[in-house]
C-alpha atoms as a PDB file:
ATOM      1  CA  MET A   1      -5.669   1.162  -0.191  1.00  0.00           C
ATOM      2  CA  VAL A   2      -3.914  -0.804   2.563  1.00  0.00           C
ATOM      3  CA  GLY A   3      -2.083  -3.860   1.301  1.00  0.00           C
ATOM      4  CA  HIS A   4      -4.533  -5.431  -1.141  1.00  0.00           C
ATOM      5  CA  ARG A   5      -7.633  -4.100   0.633  1.00  0.00           C
ATOM      6  CA  SER A   6      -9.603  -1.076  -0.438  1.00  0.00           C
ATOM      7  CA  LEU A   7     -11.015   0.827   2.549  1.00  0.00           C
ATOM      8  CA  SER A   8     -13.146   3.948   2.707  1.00  0.00           C
ATOM      9  CA  GLY A   9     -14.630   6.043   5.481  1.00  0.00           C
ATOM     10  CA  ARG A  10     -15.221   9.515   6.833  1.00  0.00           C
ATOM     11  CA  SER A  11     -12.226  11.010   8.570  1.00  0.00           C
ATOM     12  CA  GLY A  12     -12.746  13.606  11.281  1.00  0.00           C
ATOM     13  CA  PRO A  13     -10.499  15.490  13.710  1.00  0.00           C
ATOM     14  CA  GLY A  14      -8.322  13.023  15.594  1.00  0.00           C
ATOM     15  CA  SER A  15      -8.883  10.113  13.189  1.00  0.00           C
ATOM     16  CA  MET A  16      -5.927   7.734  13.160  1.00  0.00           C
ATOM     17  CA  ASN A  17      -4.703   4.833  11.045  1.00  0.00           C
ATOM     18  CA  VAL A  18      -2.177   2.248  12.254  1.00  0.00           C
ATOM     19  CA  ILE A  19      -0.270   0.513   9.448  1.00  0.00           C
ATOM     20  CA  PRO A  20       2.040  -2.444  10.227  1.00  0.00           C
ATOM     21  CA  ALA A  21       5.507  -2.257   8.699  1.00  0.00           C
ATOM     22  CA  HIS A  22       4.923  -5.076   6.179  1.00  0.00           C
ATOM     23  CA  LEU A  23       1.947  -3.339   4.521  1.00  0.00           C
ATOM     24  CA  THR A  24       2.005  -0.616   1.897  1.00  0.00           C
ATOM     25  CA  ALA A  25      -0.681   2.048   1.935  1.00  0.00           C
ATOM     26  CA  ARG A  26      -2.000   4.710  -0.425  1.00  0.00           C
ATOM     27  CA  TRP A  27      -4.499   7.378   0.614  1.00  0.00           C
ATOM     28  CA  GLU A  28      -6.842   9.644  -1.283  1.00  0.00           C
ATOM     29  CA  ALA A  29      -8.808  12.422   0.384  1.00  0.00           C
ATOM     30  CA  SER A  30     -11.499  14.761  -0.866  1.00  0.00           C
ATOM     31  CA  ALA A  31     -13.400  17.727   0.551  1.00  0.00           C
ATOM     32  CA  MET A  32     -10.819  18.359   3.255  1.00  0.00           C
ATOM     33  CA  PRO A  33     -11.744  21.312   5.505  1.00  0.00           C
ATOM     34  CA  GLN A  34      -9.577  24.402   5.125  1.00  0.00           C
ATOM     35  CA  GLY A  35      -6.587  24.252   7.413  1.00  0.00           C
ATOM     36  CA  SER A  36      -6.732  20.449   7.808  1.00  0.00           C
ATOM     37  CA  ARG A  37      -3.419  18.727   8.378  1.00  0.00           C
ATOM     38  CA  THR A  38      -2.233  15.159   8.750  1.00  0.00           C
ATOM     39  CA  MET A  39       0.694  13.716  10.671  1.00  0.00           C
ATOM     40  CA  THR A  40       2.712  10.648   9.708  1.00  0.00           C
ATOM     41  CA  PHE A  41       4.647   8.924  12.484  1.00  0.00           C
ATOM     42  CA  PHE A  42       7.091   6.133  11.599  1.00  0.00           C
ATOM     43  CA  VAL A  43       8.403   3.734  14.241  1.00  0.00           C
ATOM     44  CA  PRO A  44      11.559   1.905  13.069  1.00  0.00           C
ATOM     45  CA  GLU A  45      11.301  -1.848  13.547  1.00  0.00           C
ATOM     46  CA  ALA A  46      14.574  -1.904  15.480  1.00  0.00           C
ATOM     47  CA  PHE A  47      13.249   0.687  17.931  1.00  0.00           C
ATOM     48  CA  LEU A  48       9.984  -1.214  18.445  1.00  0.00           C
ATOM     49  CA  ALA A  49      11.870  -4.493  18.836  1.00  0.00           C
ATOM     50  CA  ARG A  50      14.054  -2.989  21.570  1.00  0.00           C
ATOM     51  CA  VAL A  51      10.970  -1.853  23.493  1.00  0.00           C
ATOM     52  CA  VAL A  52       9.295  -5.267  23.108  1.00  0.00           C
ATOM     53  CA  GLU A  53      12.372  -7.082  24.369  1.00  0.00           C
ATOM     54  CA  GLN A  54      12.289  -5.024  27.563  1.00  0.00           C
ATOM     55  CA  TYR A  55       9.392  -7.310  28.509  1.00  0.00           C
ATOM     56  CA  GLY A  56      11.482 -10.423  27.883  1.00  0.00           C
ATOM     57  CA  ILE A  57       9.499 -11.244  24.719  1.00  0.00           C
ATOM     58  CA  ASP A  58      10.834 -12.277  21.310  1.00  0.00           C
ATOM     59  CA  SER A  59      10.014  -9.295  19.086  1.00  0.00           C
ATOM     60  CA  ARG A  60       9.507 -11.636  16.112  1.00  0.00           C
ATOM     61  CA  LYS A  61       6.395 -12.953  17.850  1.00  0.00           C
ATOM     62  CA  ILE A  62       4.793  -9.512  18.134  1.00  0.00           C
ATOM     63  CA  GLU A  63       2.595  -8.202  15.336  1.00  0.00           C
ATOM     64  CA  ILE A  64       1.107  -4.707  15.117  1.00  0.00           C
ATOM     65  CA  ILE A  65      -2.591  -4.927  14.267  1.00  0.00           C
ATOM     66  CA  GLN A  66      -3.858  -2.671  11.488  1.00  0.00           C
ATOM     67  CA  GLN A  67      -6.397  -0.014  12.541  1.00  0.00           C
ATOM     68  CA  PHE A  68      -8.525   2.087  10.183  1.00  0.00           C
ATOM     69  CA  LEU A  69     -10.022   5.441  11.222  1.00  0.00           C
ATOM     70  CA  THR A  70      -9.787   4.754  14.931  1.00  0.00           C
ATOM     71  CA  HIS A  71      -9.520   7.398  17.658  1.00  0.00           C
ATOM     72  CA  ASP A  72      -6.868   7.461  20.344  1.00  0.00           C
ATOM     73  CA  PRO A  73      -6.763  10.672  22.434  1.00  0.00           C
ATOM     74  CA  VAL A  74      -3.504   9.577  24.047  1.00  0.00           C
ATOM     75  CA  MET A  75      -1.638   9.237  20.739  1.00  0.00           C
ATOM     76  CA  GLU A  76      -3.302  12.353  19.339  1.00  0.00           C
ATOM     77  CA  SER A  77      -2.082  14.434  22.266  1.00  0.00           C
ATOM     78  CA  VAL A  78       1.493  13.145  22.253  1.00  0.00           C
ATOM     79  CA  LEU A  79       1.866  13.264  18.460  1.00  0.00           C
ATOM     80  CA  THR A  80       0.491  16.803  18.321  1.00  0.00           C
ATOM     81  CA  ARG A  81       3.019  17.879  20.904  1.00  0.00           C
ATOM     82  CA  LEU A  82       5.851  16.158  19.011  1.00  0.00           C
ATOM     83  CA  ALA A  83       4.801  17.876  15.777  1.00  0.00           C
ATOM     84  CA  ILE A  84       4.850  21.253  17.514  1.00  0.00           C
ATOM     85  CA  GLU A  85       8.264  20.462  18.967  1.00  0.00           C
ATOM     86  CA  ALA A  86       9.575  19.632  15.491  1.00  0.00           C
ATOM     87  CA  GLN A  87       8.106  22.806  13.958  1.00  0.00           C
ATOM     88  CA  THR A  88       9.496  25.091  16.650  1.00  0.00           C
ATOM     89  CA  GLY A  89      13.007  23.685  16.853  1.00  0.00           C
ATOM     90  CA  SER A  90      12.472  21.342  19.826  1.00  0.00           C
ATOM     91  CA  PRO A  91      12.320  23.959  22.612  1.00  0.00           C
ATOM     92  CA  SER A  92      11.795  21.195  25.193  1.00  0.00           C
ATOM     93  CA  GLY A  93      14.988  19.415  24.101  1.00  0.00           C
ATOM     94  CA  GLU A  94      15.852  15.990  22.742  1.00  0.00           C
ATOM     95  CA  LEU A  95      15.111  14.289  26.052  1.00  0.00           C
ATOM     96  CA  TYR A  96      11.433  15.207  25.753  1.00  0.00           C
ATOM     97  CA  ALA A  97      11.241  13.828  22.197  1.00  0.00           C
ATOM     98  CA  GLU A  98      13.008  10.599  23.173  1.00  0.00           C
ATOM     99  CA  SER A  99      10.709  10.124  26.150  1.00  0.00           C
ATOM    100  CA  ALA A 100       7.596  10.766  24.046  1.00  0.00           C
ATOM    101  CA  CYS A 101       8.706   8.326  21.332  1.00  0.00           C
ATOM    102  CA  GLU A 102       9.456   5.676  23.933  1.00  0.00           C
ATOM    103  CA  PHE A 103       6.002   6.199  25.415  1.00  0.00           C
ATOM    104  CA  LEU A 104       4.326   5.907  21.997  1.00  0.00           C
ATOM    105  CA  ALA A 105       6.146   2.639  21.284  1.00  0.00           C
ATOM    106  CA  HIS A 106       4.959   1.181  24.599  1.00  0.00           C
ATOM    107  CA  HIS A 107       1.438   2.403  23.880  1.00  0.00           C
ATOM    108  CA  LEU A 108       1.440   0.770  20.429  1.00  0.00           C
ATOM    109  CA  ILE A 109       2.455  -2.543  21.963  1.00  0.00           C
ATOM    110  CA  HIS A 110      -0.146  -2.333  24.704  1.00  0.00           C
ATOM    111  CA  ALA A 111      -3.027  -1.139  22.540  1.00  0.00           C
ATOM    112  CA  TYR A 112      -2.404  -2.301  18.952  1.00  0.00           C
ATOM    113  CA  SER A 113      -0.367  -5.487  18.968  1.00  0.00           C
ATOM    114  CA  SER A 114      -1.090  -9.205  18.936  1.00  0.00           C
ATOM    115  CA  ARG A 115       0.342  -9.456  22.442  1.00  0.00           C
ATOM    116  CA  SER A 116      -2.156  -8.858  25.228  1.00  0.00           C
ATOM    117  CA  MET A 117      -0.388  -6.867  27.932  1.00  0.00           C
ATOM    118  CA  PRO A 118      -1.929  -5.490  31.113  1.00  0.00           C
ATOM    119  CA  LEU A 119      -2.384  -1.718  30.932  1.00  0.00           C
ATOM    120  CA  PRO A 120      -2.676  -0.891  34.653  1.00  0.00           C
ATOM    121  CA  ARG A 121       1.080  -1.136  35.262  1.00  0.00           C
ATOM    122  CA  TRP A 122       1.810   1.437  32.534  1.00  0.00           C
ATOM    123  CA  PHE A 123      -1.128   3.726  33.153  1.00  0.00           C
ATOM    124  CA  GLY A 124      -0.849   3.653  36.942  1.00  0.00           C
ATOM    125  CA  ARG A 125      -4.279   3.591  38.580  1.00  0.00           C
ATOM    126  CA  LEU A 126      -6.026   5.265  35.636  1.00  0.00           C
ATOM    127  CA  SER A 127      -7.827   2.528  33.754  1.00  0.00           C
ATOM    128  CA  GLY A 128      -8.555   2.988  30.059  1.00  0.00           C
ATOM    129  CA  ARG A 129     -12.205   3.688  30.892  1.00  0.00           C
ATOM    130  CA  HIS A 130     -11.359   6.288  33.527  1.00  0.00           C
ATOM    131  CA  LEU A 131      -8.760   7.961  31.320  1.00  0.00           C
ATOM    132  CA  GLN A 132     -11.241   8.257  28.457  1.00  0.00           C
ATOM    133  CA  ALA A 133     -13.860   9.697  30.808  1.00  0.00           C
ATOM    134  CA  VAL A 134     -11.396  12.363  31.971  1.00  0.00           C
ATOM    135  CA  LEU A 135     -10.340  13.264  28.414  1.00  0.00           C
ATOM    136  CA  ASP A 136     -13.973  13.505  27.282  1.00  0.00           C
ATOM    137  CA  TYR A 137     -14.834  15.634  30.314  1.00  0.00           C
ATOM    138  CA  ILE A 138     -11.989  18.051  29.534  1.00  0.00           C
ATOM    139  CA  GLU A 139     -12.935  18.246  25.847  1.00  0.00           C
ATOM    140  CA  GLU A 140     -16.544  19.097  26.655  1.00  0.00           C
ATOM    141  CA  ARG A 141     -15.561  21.821  29.134  1.00  0.00           C
ATOM    142  CA  LEU A 142     -12.651  23.633  27.512  1.00  0.00           C
ATOM    143  CA  ALA A 143     -14.304  26.975  28.312  1.00  0.00           C
ATOM    144  CA  GLU A 144     -14.668  26.156  32.013  1.00  0.00           C
ATOM    145  CA  PRO A 145     -12.089  26.386  34.811  1.00  0.00           C
ATOM    146  CA  LEU A 146     -11.458  22.807  35.940  1.00  0.00           C
ATOM    147  CA  THR A 147      -9.768  21.607  39.135  1.00  0.00           C
ATOM    148  CA  TYR A 148      -7.669  18.583  39.979  1.00  0.00           C
ATOM    149  CA  SER A 149     -10.335  17.592  42.515  1.00  0.00           C
ATOM    150  CA  GLN A 150     -13.023  17.407  39.820  1.00  0.00           C
ATOM    151  CA  LEU A 151     -10.890  15.335  37.470  1.00  0.00           C
ATOM    152  CA  ALA A 152      -9.504  13.122  40.234  1.00  0.00           C
ATOM    153  CA  GLN A 153     -13.010  12.342  41.446  1.00  0.00           C
ATOM    154  CA  LEU A 154     -14.012  11.419  37.910  1.00  0.00           C
ATOM    155  CA  ALA A 155     -10.971   9.143  37.634  1.00  0.00           C
ATOM    156  CA  GLY A 156     -11.598   7.554  41.033  1.00  0.00           C
ATOM    157  CA  VAL A 157      -8.203   8.488  42.515  1.00  0.00           C
ATOM    158  CA  SER A 158      -6.908  11.071  44.968  1.00  0.00           C
ATOM    159  CA  PRO A 159      -5.981  14.556  43.648  1.00  0.00           C
ATOM    160  CA  ARG A 160      -2.367  13.997  44.696  1.00  0.00           C
ATOM    161  CA  HIS A 161      -2.141  10.803  42.663  1.00  0.00           C
ATOM    162  CA  PHE A 162      -4.148  12.089  39.712  1.00  0.00           C
ATOM    163  CA  GLU A 163      -1.519  14.535  38.421  1.00  0.00           C
ATOM    164  CA  ARG A 164       1.186  11.861  38.336  1.00  0.00           C
ATOM    165  CA  ALA A 165      -1.099   9.199  36.852  1.00  0.00           C
ATOM    166  CA  PHE A 166      -2.400  11.568  34.166  1.00  0.00           C
ATOM    167  CA  ARG A 167       1.115  12.626  33.169  1.00  0.00           C
ATOM    168  CA  GLN A 168       2.145   8.982  32.955  1.00  0.00           C
ATOM    169  CA  ALA A 169      -0.891   8.082  30.832  1.00  0.00           C
ATOM    170  CA  VAL A 170      -0.970  11.029  28.426  1.00  0.00           C
ATOM    171  CA  GLY A 171       2.663  12.126  28.400  1.00  0.00           C
ATOM    172  CA  VAL A 172       2.048  15.729  29.492  1.00  0.00           C
ATOM    173  CA  PRO A 173       0.736  17.382  32.691  1.00  0.00           C
ATOM    174  CA  VAL A 174      -2.982  18.139  32.943  1.00  0.00           C
ATOM    175  CA  HIS A 175      -2.563  21.899  32.530  1.00  0.00           C
ATOM    176  CA  ALA A 176      -0.372  21.437  29.448  1.00  0.00           C
ATOM    177  CA  TYR A 177      -2.907  19.053  27.909  1.00  0.00           C
ATOM    178  CA  MET A 178      -5.772  21.469  28.543  1.00  0.00           C
ATOM    179  CA  THR A 179      -3.786  24.348  27.040  1.00  0.00           C
ATOM    180  CA  GLU A 180      -3.079  22.280  23.921  1.00  0.00           C
ATOM    181  CA  ARG A 181      -6.752  21.410  23.512  1.00  0.00           C
ATOM    182  CA  ARG A 182      -7.821  25.044  24.002  1.00  0.00           C
ATOM    183  CA  VAL A 183      -5.285  26.213  21.430  1.00  0.00           C
ATOM    184  CA  ALA A 184      -6.512  23.524  19.009  1.00  0.00           C
ATOM    185  CA  ALA A 185     -10.139  24.603  19.506  1.00  0.00           C
ATOM    186  CA  SER A 186      -9.188  28.274  19.076  1.00  0.00           C
ATOM    187  CA  ARG A 187      -7.272  27.415  15.924  1.00  0.00           C
ATOM    188  CA  ARG A 188     -10.330  25.739  14.404  1.00  0.00           C
ATOM    189  CA  LEU A 189     -12.519  28.751  15.198  1.00  0.00           C
ATOM    190  CA  LEU A 190      -9.966  31.153  13.718  1.00  0.00           C
ATOM    191  CA  LEU A 191      -9.995  29.238  10.447  1.00  0.00           C
ATOM    192  CA  ASP A 192     -13.626  28.149  10.259  1.00  0.00           C
ATOM    193  CA  ASP A 193     -15.381  31.400  11.211  1.00  0.00           C
ATOM    194  CA  PRO A 194     -13.661  34.599   9.992  1.00  0.00           C
ATOM    195  CA  THR A 195     -16.502  36.696  11.458  1.00  0.00           C
ATOM    196  CA  LEU A 196     -15.338  35.891  15.001  1.00  0.00           C
ATOM    197  CA  THR A 197     -12.782  38.291  16.444  1.00  0.00           C
ATOM    198  CA  VAL A 198      -9.693  37.048  18.215  1.00  0.00           C
ATOM    199  CA  GLU A 199     -10.997  38.638  21.429  1.00  0.00           C
ATOM    200  CA  SER A 200     -14.335  36.796  21.223  1.00  0.00           C
ATOM    201  CA  ILE A 201     -12.582  33.491  20.614  1.00  0.00           C
ATOM    202  CA  ALA A 202     -10.182  34.117  23.499  1.00  0.00           C
ATOM    203  CA  ALA A 203     -13.105  34.905  25.797  1.00  0.00           C
ATOM    204  CA  ARG A 204     -14.424  31.396  25.237  1.00  0.00           C
ATOM    205  CA  PHE A 205     -11.328  29.787  26.701  1.00  0.00           C
ATOM    206  CA  SER A 206      -9.208  32.337  28.570  1.00  0.00           C
ATOM    207  CA  ASN A 207      -8.201  35.976  28.396  1.00  0.00           C
ATOM    208  CA  SER A 208      -6.711  37.284  25.150  1.00  0.00           C
ATOM    209  CA  SER A 209      -3.167  37.795  26.498  1.00  0.00           C
ATOM    210  CA  HIS A 210      -3.030  34.217  27.820  1.00  0.00           C
ATOM    211  CA  LEU A 211      -4.335  32.831  24.522  1.00  0.00           C
ATOM    212  CA  ALA A 212      -1.795  34.864  22.549  1.00  0.00           C
ATOM    213  CA  LEU A 213       1.091  33.524  24.635  1.00  0.00           C
ATOM    214  CA  ALA A 214      -0.123  29.923  24.462  1.00  0.00           C
ATOM    215  CA  PHE A 215      -0.900  30.242  20.762  1.00  0.00           C
ATOM    216  CA  ARG A 216       2.542  31.590  19.937  1.00  0.00           C
ATOM    217  CA  ARG A 217       4.207  28.905  22.046  1.00  0.00           C
ATOM    218  CA  HIS A 218       2.284  26.097  20.322  1.00  0.00           C
ATOM    219  CA  THR A 219       2.099  27.361  16.722  1.00  0.00           C
ATOM    220  CA  GLY A 220       4.903  29.901  16.425  1.00  0.00           C
ATOM    221  CA  HIS A 221       2.423  32.663  15.505  1.00  0.00           C
ATOM    222  CA  SER A 222       0.043  35.044  17.240  1.00  0.00           C
ATOM    223  CA  PRO A 223      -3.687  34.338  16.660  1.00  0.00           C
ATOM    224  CA  VAL A 224      -3.934  37.335  14.288  1.00  0.00           C
ATOM    225  CA  ALA A 225      -0.844  36.285  12.312  1.00  0.00           C
ATOM    226  CA  PHE A 226      -2.015  32.660  12.210  1.00  0.00           C
ATOM    227  CA  ARG A 227      -5.399  33.638  10.745  1.00  0.00           C
ATOM    228  CA  ARG A 228      -3.800  35.998   8.220  1.00  0.00           C
ATOM    229  CA  LEU A 229      -1.247  33.375   7.157  1.00  0.00           C
ATOM    230  CA  HIS A 230      -3.793  30.605   6.618  1.00  0.00           C
ATOM    231  CA  SER A 231      -6.453  32.806   5.044  1.00  0.00           C
ATOM    232  CA  ARG A 232      -4.101  33.311   2.112  1.00  0.00           C
END
């Protein structure tokens, strides 16, 4: 229930809802897969207003548009990283969190507000179409070694520019984004298929020692400890 409207739909990994501040919402979920989690991200009106006014616009004339079960790989990536930062005591420091929140506020205005703002200036030379193509390409090839040249060619920019443009668009470097997605995929396999060994899962994405280090850095647990903890 959002406001006075009753909405229903099938939620999958990465599904996102955007609720404007003036609406109340109540959610009911059933048949959630084991290990499923949700994140709630609140943006104070004063914070959003400050970001809007950086463009010389009266914040009272900006309205966030409600979205139901949409997908936004950019917000998913940044919010996942922020959640991990919060769970692990902010190892990257407050500056990282402030920068990520500022980025998310700009992204909300660009993508989900009543004000039409040009994206190219914020996303550099990566258009929304090119960015989505790169993210889809990475997601489909998490088990493969990818190069900047491959991704830059897909995005239609030079390799030198691609790293900077990707970081600006997504909020993290390419290698960090790929590591996060590999850890997320490994986490799903650990929970969904107990017959798979940690070594066999690691072999799909990287070697076992690398996975263990990345897994501990992102979740606070080793793959074995994570599976044992959540299997309870």
